[in-house]
C-alpha cells in the first residue's frame, strides 16, 4: 500500500466508525421519539403493588404551583377578617351579559399582604331581591402573589350580592395535600371464613401497598387491569381464598379519626377551626344589574354527545340557578318532567357505576319512570329496576374498593368499574354513567388518577367494539362537614373533592368518547344546603343535564 493510500484508508475507517456511532445514536433517539409520541401524558403515581402500566407513565404528583412549602408561622396565615374584596369598576353601569370582576387581596393577621397564593376560595353571586331567587358561581384565578381575580358572568337583572368564602388558607391546603398523600389512613377489614371448620379470622386490608409487611404476610387481591389495589394481612389458619366479606367503620370512627388527627401538630389543627375555616369575607354591599341596552335573543346549542363540543365551555362559568332549576351556559339543558323522562329512556339500558351520590340518581329514576325492582337486586351493593311498558332497564352498582361505610360487602360482589364496562356489549341504546369521587378524597391523588386511567381504557375498548354507546363521567360536588369535625376536613374537604374534579376534567376534557357531566359549579352556588347527598332540586338538575345530552329535543 502506498504512503498516500494509508491516510485515505484511515480516514475511511474513522468515517465509518463515526457514521455507525451516529446511526446508533439516531436509532436510540428514534426509539425515544416513537415511545414518547405513543405514550399518553403521564397520569399515574406508583401506589400499586403490581404496576398495570409501563413504568415510563408513572410520575409523582405535581406540586401546586402557587403553594410554597415552608414552616407554618401562624402570624403569616391568611386571615379572613383583613382579606379584602375590591370590585373593579364598581361605579360603571352593569348590564345582564356583562362580566363583573373582583380582586381579592389576601392579608395575614398583622394586615400584611400575602406574597404567595394557594388559598382556596368559594365564590358565588346571589340575588338580593325577593325575586328572582338566583345564584351563580364565580371563576377564581390565583395569581400566585397573594392576589386573586374572580369573574362573575351576569345572568339576571336586579341587585346582586358578592359572596366569597375563604374555605381554607393556603397553609391549611398545604396540610391537606400532605395528609392526602399518606396512604392507608382509613381502617378497612375483611373476614376470612372457612365454612367447613367455621373458623373466622378478621384482618386489616389496604388500598395502597404496605411496605412494612413482606409479601409472605399478605393476601394480594389486586386487579391489575382495573388499577385496583386491595391487599390484606394474611390469616393464620385459613386460606387467602376464604375471604368472605369486608367493611369499614364510619369516617368519624374513633380509630380512623385518631390515626388521621395524629398526623397534625396542635398548631396545624388550629387552621381547621374558626376563624380560619369557611369564613365569609366582607362583600361591601350590592351591585345593580340592568337590562341590556339591546335585547338580543339567547340561543344555546343543543347538548350533544360530541364531547369535544359539549365541553368547549371549560374555563368559563357553566351556568346559574334560577329558583330551583339549573340553567347551563354551555348548551340547552331541558327541564324534564315525568313523561319526558319516560319518553327519553324508552328502549334504553342504563348502567350506573359509582358511589352513593350515583345511587341518588337511580332512586330518583326509580320513582319517576317508575322502575320495578328485580328479585336479584342486593340493595347493599346494587339496585336493578325495569319498566316493561317502556322497555327501560336501569342498573346501579357501587364501585370496587375502597368502600367506606359500616355495612358488610360480600367480597365477590365487589366489581370494579372496568369489569362492568368490559362486560357490556353496548349499542346506541346503551347508556353508561360513571360517578366515582366521594370515596377517594381520603386517598393519595395518584390512586384516583390511576383508577380513572384504567376506566378510560375500558371505555375506549367499549367504543371500538360498540361505537355509539353513550358514556358519561360526572364530577364531584361540595359537601357538608358535620360539626366542624377535623376528620371530615382531613378526609373529605371540598378542596380534596375539587382536586378530584380537576383530574376528571383533565383526563376527559378532549376525549371524544366521553361527555363530562360537570356538577361542581352548580354545587358551589346551589340554593339548598351543602350535602354529600344533596336535595331533590340538585339531583333533578343533574339528571336534566344528562338527559339533555341523550334527548336534546
Foldseek 3Di string as FASTA:
>chain_A
DDPVVVVVVVVVVVVVVVVVVVVVVVVVVVVVVVVVVPDDAQFFAPFAPDALDDPVSHDDDDDDPQFDDDDDDQQFWFFQALWDKAWPPQVDAAAQQDKTKIKIFTAGPVSHTAQTAQFDKWKKKFAPDPPFGKMFTWDWDGPGGRMIMTIDRHHDFWKIFIKMWRAATSVLVVVLQVQQADFDLFWKKWWFADVVVRDIDIWTKGFGDDVVDDPVQKDWPADSLLLTTIITGADDPGHSVRTWKMAGAALVDPRSQCSSVVVDDPVSVCCLDPPNHGHIHDRPGIGGYHHDPDDDDDAFAFAALQQLQQLVPPPDTQFMDGPLATAGPRGGQDQDALVNVLVLLQLAEEEEEEAVLVVVLLVVCCVRNNWDWDPPDDVVFKTWTADVVRRGIYIYGYAAPPDHDGDMDTNVSHHHLLVVLLPDQFELRYEYEYEYFQQSLSHNPSSLSSSVVSNVVSLVVNCVRYPNGAYEYEAAEFADQPPSRPSCCSRPNVVSSVVRRVSVCVVCVNPRRYHYLYLHRCRSIRPDDGHNRDDPSSSSNSVSSVSSHSPVD
